[in-house]
Amino acid sequence: MKKTAFFAVAVLSAFSAFADNFSTGFTPAGNVTSYTKTNYSVTSKFGEYFRSISEKEVHNFSNGQETEYSLLNAKDELITKTTYTYNAKKLASMAYFDAESEAELKTEYEYGVDSKIKSYTVTESDSGNLSSKTIYKYEGKKVTENHYDKDGKLYMRVIQTLNDDGIPVQETEYNGDGSFSLSRNYSFTESKKIAAIETFDEEGNCTNKIAFRYDANDFLTEIQVYENAKITERRIYKNDALGNPVRISYYDVAEKFGTTVNELSRIEDFSYNY
């Protein structure tokens, strides 16, 4: 995991300016103290599937909030580690460490009196030099994110439109020079679960769509990924009684010999500690 990947995590965690609590990703239901996700790569030979461990993720929690995330290789050797600190249940900082447990980057979050995020700053741990900064502006149901690089130059602006619940239903990304990058629409189920994310180009063409399927208990059962209106991937969820995934199977979808083929490409297995 490179520094740019850590920065992407920071961006994703700060994306939900509307949320009460930031999440680093999947937060399990129930009183989970930790969970391990084992990632398997899958190969097919002579009609049979063979899997091998590629990476492991270990996530530790305290009072329902993630405190540490470690990425391990197939030999259980540390690749990277990220730690999280909180203040009044709000994410206060993230620190990124390399395989030798040397600190490399730190992200710090600032909030306003209304508890909405004002900004977050990424700095180099060794020098304290600025790596990037993002500033938020709120105007009714409109939220503007301005992303600046280490020299203070604007390199991206994201404008979000919120619904009555304060959740983004549409956003547009612009490059630093003001040119259009892409736009996304978000739709939701009656129970306010995410139903679909659609990405559009400058001409209004839908270039990517992610569709979410749920069962009668509102547990996520499948994600479908579309590229230019063609389905390219399916992710099938097997869940426990709380709705936490115990296995996610990834299938590549392609047309072969006139038929649609689903080929297993990778597997993620989850184990939980309570």
C-alpha atoms as a PDB file:
ATOM      1  CA  MET A   1       0.000   0.000   0.000  1.00  0.00           C
ATOM      2  CA  LYS A   2       1.640   3.187  -1.207  1.00  0.00           C
ATOM      3  CA  LYS A   3       1.268   6.682   0.178  1.00  0.00           C
ATOM      4  CA  THR A   4      -1.121   7.521  -2.637  1.00  0.00           C
ATOM      5  CA  ALA A   5      -3.312   4.617  -1.553  1.00  0.00           C
ATOM      6  CA  PHE A   6      -3.327   5.933   2.010  1.00  0.00           C
ATOM      7  CA  PHE A   7      -4.338   9.332   0.697  1.00  0.00           C
ATOM      8  CA  ALA A   8      -7.192   7.672  -1.193  1.00  0.00           C
ATOM      9  CA  VAL A   9      -8.351   6.096   2.057  1.00  0.00           C
ATOM     10  CA  ALA A  10      -8.288   9.514   3.690  1.00  0.00           C
ATOM     11  CA  VAL A  11     -10.364  10.943   0.858  1.00  0.00           C
ATOM     12  CA  LEU A  12     -12.890   8.124   1.089  1.00  0.00           C
ATOM     13  CA  SER A  13     -13.183   8.365   4.847  1.00  0.00           C
ATOM     14  CA  ALA A  14     -13.757  12.103   4.644  1.00  0.00           C
ATOM     15  CA  PHE A  15     -16.155  11.848   1.700  1.00  0.00           C
ATOM     16  CA  SER A  16     -19.160  11.463   3.995  1.00  0.00           C
ATOM     17  CA  ALA A  17     -19.264  15.016   5.255  1.00  0.00           C
ATOM     18  CA  PHE A  18     -22.923  14.414   6.027  1.00  0.00           C
ATOM     19  CA  ALA A  19     -22.308  11.430   8.332  1.00  0.00           C
ATOM     20  CA  ASP A  20     -22.160  11.493  12.119  1.00  0.00           C
ATOM     21  CA  ASN A  21     -19.291   9.030  12.172  1.00  0.00           C
ATOM     22  CA  PHE A  22     -16.668   8.363   9.562  1.00  0.00           C
ATOM     23  CA  SER A  23     -15.999   4.782   8.633  1.00  0.00           C
ATOM     24  CA  THR A  24     -12.865   3.269   7.199  1.00  0.00           C
ATOM     25  CA  GLY A  25     -15.062   0.821   5.343  1.00  0.00           C
ATOM     26  CA  PHE A  26     -17.072  -2.128   6.603  1.00  0.00           C
ATOM     27  CA  THR A  27     -18.266  -1.851  10.207  1.00  0.00           C
ATOM     28  CA  PRO A  28     -19.742  -5.162  11.417  1.00  0.00           C
ATOM     29  CA  ALA A  29     -23.031  -5.519  13.243  1.00  0.00           C
ATOM     30  CA  GLY A  30     -22.893  -6.787  16.817  1.00  0.00           C
ATOM     31  CA  ASN A  31     -20.274  -6.323  19.505  1.00  0.00           C
ATOM     32  CA  VAL A  32     -17.307  -7.231  17.308  1.00  0.00           C
ATOM     33  CA  THR A  33     -13.847  -6.620  18.751  1.00  0.00           C
ATOM     34  CA  SER A  34     -12.001  -7.617  15.578  1.00  0.00           C
ATOM     35  CA  TYR A  35     -12.399  -9.376  12.287  1.00  0.00           C
ATOM     36  CA  THR A  36     -10.031 -10.872   9.743  1.00  0.00           C
ATOM     37  CA  LYS A  37     -10.664 -10.788   6.025  1.00  0.00           C
ATOM     38  CA  THR A  38      -8.658 -13.310   4.016  1.00  0.00           C
ATOM     39  CA  ASN A  39      -8.309 -12.519   0.323  1.00  0.00           C
ATOM     40  CA  TYR A  40      -7.874 -15.407  -2.091  1.00  0.00           C
ATOM     41  CA  SER A  41      -6.886 -15.298  -5.731  1.00  0.00           C
ATOM     42  CA  VAL A  42      -8.588 -17.943  -7.857  1.00  0.00           C
ATOM     43  CA  THR A  43      -7.305 -19.785 -10.912  1.00  0.00           C
ATOM     44  CA  SER A  44      -9.079 -22.289 -13.111  1.00  0.00           C
ATOM     45  CA  LYS A  45      -7.414 -25.392 -14.529  1.00  0.00           C
ATOM     46  CA  PHE A  46      -9.146 -28.150 -16.465  1.00  0.00           C
ATOM     47  CA  GLY A  47     -12.540 -27.019 -15.233  1.00  0.00           C
ATOM     48  CA  GLU A  48     -11.556 -26.894 -11.563  1.00  0.00           C
ATOM     49  CA  TYR A  49     -10.993 -23.860  -9.367  1.00  0.00           C
ATOM     50  CA  PHE A  50      -7.919 -23.463  -7.166  1.00  0.00           C
ATOM     51  CA  ARG A  51      -7.485 -20.709  -4.607  1.00  0.00           C
ATOM     52  CA  SER A  52      -4.441 -19.299  -2.829  1.00  0.00           C
ATOM     53  CA  ILE A  53      -4.116 -16.627  -0.155  1.00  0.00           C
ATOM     54  CA  SER A  54      -3.012 -13.272  -1.526  1.00  0.00           C
ATOM     55  CA  GLU A  55      -3.456 -10.965   1.487  1.00  0.00           C
ATOM     56  CA  LYS A  56      -5.064 -10.732   4.912  1.00  0.00           C
ATOM     57  CA  GLU A  57      -6.696  -7.750   6.574  1.00  0.00           C
ATOM     58  CA  VAL A  58      -7.044  -7.533  10.356  1.00  0.00           C
ATOM     59  CA  HIS A  59      -9.451  -4.896  11.697  1.00  0.00           C
ATOM     60  CA  ASN A  60      -9.635  -4.078  15.421  1.00  0.00           C
ATOM     61  CA  PHE A  61     -12.550  -2.251  17.047  1.00  0.00           C
ATOM     62  CA  SER A  62     -13.344  -0.558  20.340  1.00  0.00           C
ATOM     63  CA  ASN A  63     -16.876   0.573  21.216  1.00  0.00           C
ATOM     64  CA  GLY A  64     -17.973   0.047  17.632  1.00  0.00           C
ATOM     65  CA  GLN A  65     -15.197   2.168  16.098  1.00  0.00           C
ATOM     66  CA  GLU A  66     -12.221   0.876  14.163  1.00  0.00           C
ATOM     67  CA  THR A  67      -8.940   1.555  15.964  1.00  0.00           C
ATOM     68  CA  GLU A  68      -6.409  -0.327  13.844  1.00  0.00           C
ATOM     69  CA  TYR A  69      -6.150  -1.903  10.418  1.00  0.00           C
ATOM     70  CA  SER A  70      -3.247  -4.159   9.417  1.00  0.00           C
ATOM     71  CA  LEU A  71      -2.552  -5.519   5.947  1.00  0.00           C
ATOM     72  CA  LEU A  72      -0.578  -8.781   5.897  1.00  0.00           C
ATOM     73  CA  ASN A  73       0.887 -10.840   3.090  1.00  0.00           C
ATOM     74  CA  ALA A  74       0.246 -14.551   2.551  1.00  0.00           C
ATOM     75  CA  LYS A  75       2.946 -15.351   5.143  1.00  0.00           C
ATOM     76  CA  ASP A  76       1.248 -13.166   7.787  1.00  0.00           C
ATOM     77  CA  GLU A  77       4.021 -10.565   7.494  1.00  0.00           C
ATOM     78  CA  LEU A  78       3.039  -6.937   7.972  1.00  0.00           C
ATOM     79  CA  ILE A  79       2.732  -4.831   4.821  1.00  0.00           C
ATOM     80  CA  THR A  80       1.109  -1.707   6.272  1.00  0.00           C
ATOM     81  CA  LYS A  81      -0.755  -0.592   9.374  1.00  0.00           C
ATOM     82  CA  THR A  82      -3.195   2.262   9.919  1.00  0.00           C
ATOM     83  CA  THR A  83      -4.355   3.489  13.330  1.00  0.00           C
ATOM     84  CA  TYR A  84      -7.396   5.651  14.094  1.00  0.00           C
ATOM     85  CA  THR A  85      -8.101   7.995  17.012  1.00  0.00           C
ATOM     86  CA  TYR A  86     -11.420   9.611  17.943  1.00  0.00           C
ATOM     87  CA  ASN A  87     -12.729  12.608  19.831  1.00  0.00           C
ATOM     88  CA  ALA A  88     -16.376  12.634  20.939  1.00  0.00           C
ATOM     89  CA  LYS A  89     -17.009   9.710  18.570  1.00  0.00           C
ATOM     90  CA  LYS A  90     -15.657  11.677  15.620  1.00  0.00           C
ATOM     91  CA  LEU A  91     -12.613  10.502  13.705  1.00  0.00           C
ATOM     92  CA  ALA A  92      -9.792  12.792  14.862  1.00  0.00           C
ATOM     93  CA  SER A  93      -6.752  11.361  13.097  1.00  0.00           C
ATOM     94  CA  MET A  94      -5.347   8.523  11.028  1.00  0.00           C
ATOM     95  CA  ALA A  95      -1.705   7.433  11.077  1.00  0.00           C
ATOM     96  CA  TYR A  96      -0.106   5.255   8.423  1.00  0.00           C
ATOM     97  CA  PHE A  97       2.875   2.961   9.118  1.00  0.00           C
ATOM     98  CA  ASP A  98       5.034   0.912   6.754  1.00  0.00           C
ATOM     99  CA  ALA A  99       6.160  -2.719   7.084  1.00  0.00           C
ATOM    100  CA  GLU A 100       8.846  -1.692   9.613  1.00  0.00           C
ATOM    101  CA  SER A 101       6.209   0.137  11.705  1.00  0.00           C
ATOM    102  CA  GLU A 102       7.777   3.463  10.742  1.00  0.00           C
ATOM    103  CA  ALA A 103       5.255   6.310  10.636  1.00  0.00           C
ATOM    104  CA  GLU A 104       4.896   7.779   7.146  1.00  0.00           C
ATOM    105  CA  LEU A 105       1.714   9.840   6.908  1.00  0.00           C
ATOM    106  CA  LYS A 106      -0.828  11.354   9.262  1.00  0.00           C
ATOM    107  CA  THR A 107      -4.292  12.719   8.559  1.00  0.00           C
ATOM    108  CA  GLU A 108      -5.960  15.114  11.014  1.00  0.00           C
ATOM    109  CA  TYR A 109      -9.629  16.134  10.902  1.00  0.00           C
ATOM    110  CA  GLU A 110     -11.155  19.436  12.020  1.00  0.00           C
ATOM    111  CA  TYR A 111     -14.860  19.949  12.800  1.00  0.00           C
ATOM    112  CA  GLY A 112     -17.090  22.968  13.222  1.00  0.00           C
ATOM    113  CA  VAL A 113     -19.393  23.747  16.142  1.00  0.00           C
ATOM    114  CA  ASP A 114     -22.178  21.980  14.205  1.00  0.00           C
ATOM    115  CA  SER A 115     -20.039  18.792  14.231  1.00  0.00           C
ATOM    116  CA  LYS A 116     -19.670  18.910  10.458  1.00  0.00           C
ATOM    117  CA  ILE A 117     -16.189  18.393   9.081  1.00  0.00           C
ATOM    118  CA  LYS A 118     -14.392  21.633   8.182  1.00  0.00           C
ATOM    119  CA  SER A 119     -11.173  20.190   6.786  1.00  0.00           C
ATOM    120  CA  TYR A 120      -8.667  17.387   6.901  1.00  0.00           C
ATOM    121  CA  THR A 121      -4.920  17.666   6.446  1.00  0.00           C
ATOM    122  CA  VAL A 122      -2.406  15.010   5.379  1.00  0.00           C
ATOM    123  CA  THR A 123       1.191  15.534   6.523  1.00  0.00           C
ATOM    124  CA  GLU A 124       4.473  13.640   6.235  1.00  0.00           C
ATOM    125  CA  SER A 125       5.166  12.039   9.622  1.00  0.00           C
ATOM    126  CA  ASP A 126       8.947  12.449   9.567  1.00  0.00           C
ATOM    127  CA  SER A 127       9.140  16.059   8.404  1.00  0.00           C
ATOM    128  CA  GLY A 128       5.691  17.393   9.244  1.00  0.00           C
ATOM    129  CA  ASN A 129       5.503  18.808   5.724  1.00  0.00           C
ATOM    130  CA  LEU A 130       2.084  19.253   4.195  1.00  0.00           C
ATOM    131  CA  SER A 131       1.073  16.566   1.714  1.00  0.00           C
ATOM    132  CA  SER A 132      -2.481  17.710   0.961  1.00  0.00           C
ATOM    133  CA  LYS A 133      -5.470  19.499   2.468  1.00  0.00           C
ATOM    134  CA  THR A 134      -9.210  19.372   1.837  1.00  0.00           C
ATOM    135  CA  ILE A 135     -11.598  22.141   2.924  1.00  0.00           C
ATOM    136  CA  TYR A 136     -15.410  21.866   3.090  1.00  0.00           C
ATOM    137  CA  LYS A 137     -17.999  24.586   2.510  1.00  0.00           C
ATOM    138  CA  TYR A 138     -21.704  24.164   3.341  1.00  0.00           C
ATOM    139  CA  GLU A 139     -24.540  26.083   1.669  1.00  0.00           C
ATOM    140  CA  GLY A 140     -27.923  24.569   2.493  1.00  0.00           C
ATOM    141  CA  LYS A 141     -28.140  21.273   0.604  1.00  0.00           C
ATOM    142  CA  LYS A 142     -24.908  21.978  -1.262  1.00  0.00           C
ATOM    143  CA  VAL A 143     -21.472  20.856  -0.060  1.00  0.00           C
ATOM    144  CA  THR A 144     -18.256  21.894  -1.803  1.00  0.00           C
ATOM    145  CA  GLU A 145     -14.981  20.053  -1.237  1.00  0.00           C
ATOM    146  CA  ASN A 146     -11.798  21.835  -2.340  1.00  0.00           C
ATOM    147  CA  HIS A 147      -8.734  19.575  -2.551  1.00  0.00           C
ATOM    148  CA  TYR A 148      -5.278  21.198  -2.441  1.00  0.00           C
ATOM    149  CA  ASP A 149      -1.828  19.698  -2.978  1.00  0.00           C
ATOM    150  CA  LYS A 150       1.290  20.256  -0.872  1.00  0.00           C
ATOM    151  CA  ASP A 151       1.920  23.613  -2.555  1.00  0.00           C
ATOM    152  CA  GLY A 152      -1.586  24.869  -1.840  1.00  0.00           C
ATOM    153  CA  LYS A 153      -2.694  24.457  -5.455  1.00  0.00           C
ATOM    154  CA  LEU A 154      -6.276  23.379  -6.090  1.00  0.00           C
ATOM    155  CA  TYR A 155      -6.250  20.074  -7.973  1.00  0.00           C
ATOM    156  CA  MET A 156      -9.867  18.919  -7.542  1.00  0.00           C
ATOM    157  CA  ARG A 157     -13.259  20.332  -6.556  1.00  0.00           C
ATOM    158  CA  VAL A 158     -16.252  18.160  -5.692  1.00  0.00           C
ATOM    159  CA  ILE A 159     -19.747  19.652  -5.442  1.00  0.00           C
ATOM    160  CA  GLN A 160     -22.419  17.531  -3.759  1.00  0.00           C
ATOM    161  CA  THR A 161     -26.194  17.925  -3.649  1.00  0.00           C
ATOM    162  CA  LEU A 162     -27.843  16.501  -0.514  1.00  0.00           C
ATOM    163  CA  ASN A 163     -31.340  15.160   0.032  1.00  0.00           C
ATOM    164  CA  ASP A 164     -33.594  16.011   2.980  1.00  0.00           C
ATOM    165  CA  ASP A 165     -31.701  13.491   5.128  1.00  0.00           C
ATOM    166  CA  GLY A 166     -28.399  15.227   4.400  1.00  0.00           C
ATOM    167  CA  ILE A 167     -27.139  12.381   2.209  1.00  0.00           C
ATOM    168  CA  PRO A 168     -25.550  13.046  -1.217  1.00  0.00           C
ATOM    169  CA  VAL A 169     -27.750  12.156  -4.170  1.00  0.00           C
ATOM    170  CA  GLN A 170     -25.586  13.808  -6.821  1.00  0.00           C
ATOM    171  CA  GLU A 171     -21.994  14.995  -7.066  1.00  0.00           C
ATOM    172  CA  THR A 172     -19.787  16.488  -9.744  1.00  0.00           C
ATOM    173  CA  GLU A 173     -15.998  16.391  -9.811  1.00  0.00           C
ATOM    174  CA  TYR A 174     -13.945  19.125 -11.487  1.00  0.00           C
ATOM    175  CA  ASN A 175     -10.238  19.272 -12.200  1.00  0.00           C
ATOM    176  CA  GLY A 176      -8.111  22.020 -10.713  1.00  0.00           C
ATOM    177  CA  ASP A 177      -8.417  24.107 -13.870  1.00  0.00           C
ATOM    178  CA  GLY A 178     -12.210  24.044 -13.614  1.00  0.00           C
ATOM    179  CA  SER A 179     -12.775  21.486 -16.353  1.00  0.00           C
ATOM    180  CA  PHE A 180     -15.342  18.727 -15.880  1.00  0.00           C
ATOM    181  CA  SER A 181     -14.079  15.358 -14.680  1.00  0.00           C
ATOM    182  CA  LEU A 182     -17.166  13.235 -13.952  1.00  0.00           C
ATOM    183  CA  SER A 183     -20.497  13.197 -12.146  1.00  0.00           C
ATOM    184  CA  ARG A 184     -22.241  10.587 -10.016  1.00  0.00           C
ATOM    185  CA  ASN A 185     -25.845   9.952  -9.066  1.00  0.00           C
ATOM    186  CA  TYR A 186     -26.818   8.016  -5.934  1.00  0.00           C
ATOM    187  CA  SER A 187     -30.174   6.282  -5.484  1.00  0.00           C
ATOM    188  CA  PHE A 188     -31.566   4.565  -2.401  1.00  0.00           C
ATOM    189  CA  THR A 189     -34.099   1.941  -1.389  1.00  0.00           C
ATOM    190  CA  GLU A 190     -37.215   2.736   0.642  1.00  0.00           C
ATOM    191  CA  SER A 191     -35.268   1.714   3.752  1.00  0.00           C
ATOM    192  CA  LYS A 192     -32.528   4.201   2.775  1.00  0.00           C
ATOM    193  CA  LYS A 193     -29.975   1.593   1.742  1.00  0.00           C
ATOM    194  CA  ILE A 194     -27.773   2.496  -1.207  1.00  0.00           C
ATOM    195  CA  ALA A 195     -29.408   1.060  -4.364  1.00  0.00           C
ATOM    196  CA  ALA A 196     -27.167   2.280  -7.170  1.00  0.00           C
ATOM    197  CA  ILE A 197     -24.211   4.532  -7.976  1.00  0.00           C
ATOM    198  CA  GLU A 198     -24.053   5.781 -11.567  1.00  0.00           C
ATOM    199  CA  THR A 199     -21.079   7.611 -13.083  1.00  0.00           C
ATOM    200  CA  PHE A 200     -21.487   9.912 -16.094  1.00  0.00           C
ATOM    201  CA  ASP A 201     -19.091  11.574 -18.516  1.00  0.00           C
ATOM    202  CA  GLU A 202     -19.273  15.141 -19.830  1.00  0.00           C
ATOM    203  CA  GLU A 203     -21.769  14.154 -22.537  1.00  0.00           C
ATOM    204  CA  GLY A 204     -24.103  12.627 -19.977  1.00  0.00           C
ATOM    205  CA  ASN A 205     -23.301   9.030 -20.900  1.00  0.00           C
ATOM    206  CA  CYS A 206     -23.404   6.504 -18.064  1.00  0.00           C
ATOM    207  CA  THR A 207     -19.939   4.946 -18.109  1.00  0.00           C
ATOM    208  CA  ASN A 208     -20.177   2.947 -14.894  1.00  0.00           C
ATOM    209  CA  LYS A 209     -22.947   1.655 -12.662  1.00  0.00           C
ATOM    210  CA  ILE A 210     -22.830  -0.233  -9.378  1.00  0.00           C
ATOM    211  CA  ALA A 211     -26.130  -1.854  -8.359  1.00  0.00           C
ATOM    212  CA  PHE A 212     -26.846  -3.238  -4.880  1.00  0.00           C
ATOM    213  CA  ARG A 213     -29.270  -6.072  -4.074  1.00  0.00           C
ATOM    214  CA  TYR A 214     -30.746  -6.921  -0.651  1.00  0.00           C
ATOM    215  CA  ASP A 215     -32.805  -9.728   0.856  1.00  0.00           C
ATOM    216  CA  ALA A 216     -35.982  -9.465   2.940  1.00  0.00           C
ATOM    217  CA  ASN A 217     -33.872  -8.636   6.008  1.00  0.00           C
ATOM    218  CA  ASP A 218     -32.170  -5.763   4.164  1.00  0.00           C
ATOM    219  CA  PHE A 219     -28.885  -7.684   4.173  1.00  0.00           C
ATOM    220  CA  LEU A 220     -26.656  -7.038   1.162  1.00  0.00           C
ATOM    221  CA  THR A 221     -26.680 -10.132  -1.070  1.00  0.00           C
ATOM    222  CA  GLU A 222     -25.150  -9.003  -4.362  1.00  0.00           C
ATOM    223  CA  ILE A 223     -23.303  -6.154  -6.050  1.00  0.00           C
ATOM    224  CA  GLN A 224     -23.335  -5.855  -9.832  1.00  0.00           C
ATOM    225  CA  VAL A 225     -20.814  -3.718 -11.713  1.00  0.00           C
ATOM    226  CA  TYR A 226     -21.598  -2.379 -15.183  1.00  0.00           C
ATOM    227  CA  GLU A 227     -19.275  -0.732 -17.700  1.00  0.00           C
ATOM    228  CA  ASN A 228     -20.983   1.101 -20.572  1.00  0.00           C
ATOM    229  CA  ALA A 229     -24.298  -0.668 -19.831  1.00  0.00           C
ATOM    230  CA  LYS A 230     -22.711  -4.155 -19.834  1.00  0.00           C
ATOM    231  CA  ILE A 231     -22.364  -6.153 -16.646  1.00  0.00           C
ATOM    232  CA  THR A 232     -18.701  -6.975 -16.001  1.00  0.00           C
ATOM    233  CA  GLU A 233     -18.633  -8.233 -12.417  1.00  0.00           C
ATOM    234  CA  ARG A 234     -20.878  -9.839  -9.801  1.00  0.00           C
ATOM    235  CA  ARG A 235     -20.112 -10.016  -6.092  1.00  0.00           C
ATOM    236  CA  ILE A 236     -22.187 -12.605  -4.242  1.00  0.00           C
ATOM    237  CA  TYR A 237     -22.525 -12.259  -0.451  1.00  0.00           C
ATOM    238  CA  LYS A 238     -23.027 -15.026   2.080  1.00  0.00           C
ATOM    239  CA  ASN A 239     -23.965 -13.502   5.444  1.00  0.00           C
ATOM    240  CA  ASP A 240     -24.318 -14.571   9.059  1.00  0.00           C
ATOM    241  CA  ALA A 241     -27.427 -14.082  11.199  1.00  0.00           C
ATOM    242  CA  LEU A 242     -26.459 -10.441  11.892  1.00  0.00           C
ATOM    243  CA  GLY A 243     -25.973  -9.630   8.224  1.00  0.00           C
ATOM    244  CA  ASN A 244     -22.183  -9.583   8.407  1.00  0.00           C
ATOM    245  CA  PRO A 245     -20.547 -11.171   5.363  1.00  0.00           C
ATOM    246  CA  VAL A 246     -18.780 -14.473   5.904  1.00  0.00           C
ATOM    247  CA  ARG A 247     -17.831 -14.827   2.249  1.00  0.00           C
ATOM    248  CA  ILE A 248     -17.843 -12.612  -0.830  1.00  0.00           C
ATOM    249  CA  SER A 249     -17.330 -14.364  -4.166  1.00  0.00           C
ATOM    250  CA  TYR A 250     -16.248 -12.246  -7.136  1.00  0.00           C
ATOM    251  CA  TYR A 251     -17.223 -13.306 -10.640  1.00  0.00           C
ATOM    252  CA  ASP A 252     -16.033 -11.812 -13.909  1.00  0.00           C
ATOM    253  CA  VAL A 253     -18.884 -11.670 -16.420  1.00  0.00           C
ATOM    254  CA  ALA A 254     -18.100 -11.992 -20.117  1.00  0.00           C
ATOM    255  CA  GLU A 255     -19.592 -13.113 -23.409  1.00  0.00           C
ATOM    256  CA  LYS A 256     -17.978 -16.306 -24.696  1.00  0.00           C
ATOM    257  CA  PHE A 257     -19.147 -18.356 -27.651  1.00  0.00           C
ATOM    258  CA  GLY A 258     -22.462 -16.548 -27.696  1.00  0.00           C
ATOM    259  CA  THR A 259     -23.317 -17.096 -24.031  1.00  0.00           C
ATOM    260  CA  THR A 260     -22.788 -15.134 -20.815  1.00  0.00           C
ATOM    261  CA  VAL A 261     -20.170 -16.728 -18.592  1.00  0.00           C
ATOM    262  CA  ASN A 262     -19.571 -16.073 -14.880  1.00  0.00           C
ATOM    263  CA  GLU A 263     -15.995 -16.945 -13.928  1.00  0.00           C
ATOM    264  CA  LEU A 264     -14.916 -16.985 -10.285  1.00  0.00           C
ATOM    265  CA  SER A 265     -11.956 -14.595  -9.960  1.00  0.00           C
ATOM    266  CA  ARG A 266     -11.397 -14.140  -6.221  1.00  0.00           C
ATOM    267  CA  ILE A 267     -12.873 -14.849  -2.799  1.00  0.00           C
ATOM    268  CA  GLU A 268     -12.938 -12.948   0.488  1.00  0.00           C
ATOM    269  CA  ASP A 269     -13.571 -14.895   3.712  1.00  0.00           C
ATOM    270  CA  PHE A 270     -14.425 -13.183   7.012  1.00  0.00           C
ATOM    271  CA  SER A 271     -13.998 -14.378  10.603  1.00  0.00           C
ATOM    272  CA  TYR A 272     -15.167 -12.404  13.643  1.00  0.00           C
ATOM    273  CA  ASN A 273     -14.211 -12.106  17.303  1.00  0.00           C
ATOM    274  CA  TYR A 274     -16.812 -10.915  19.803  1.00  0.00           C
END
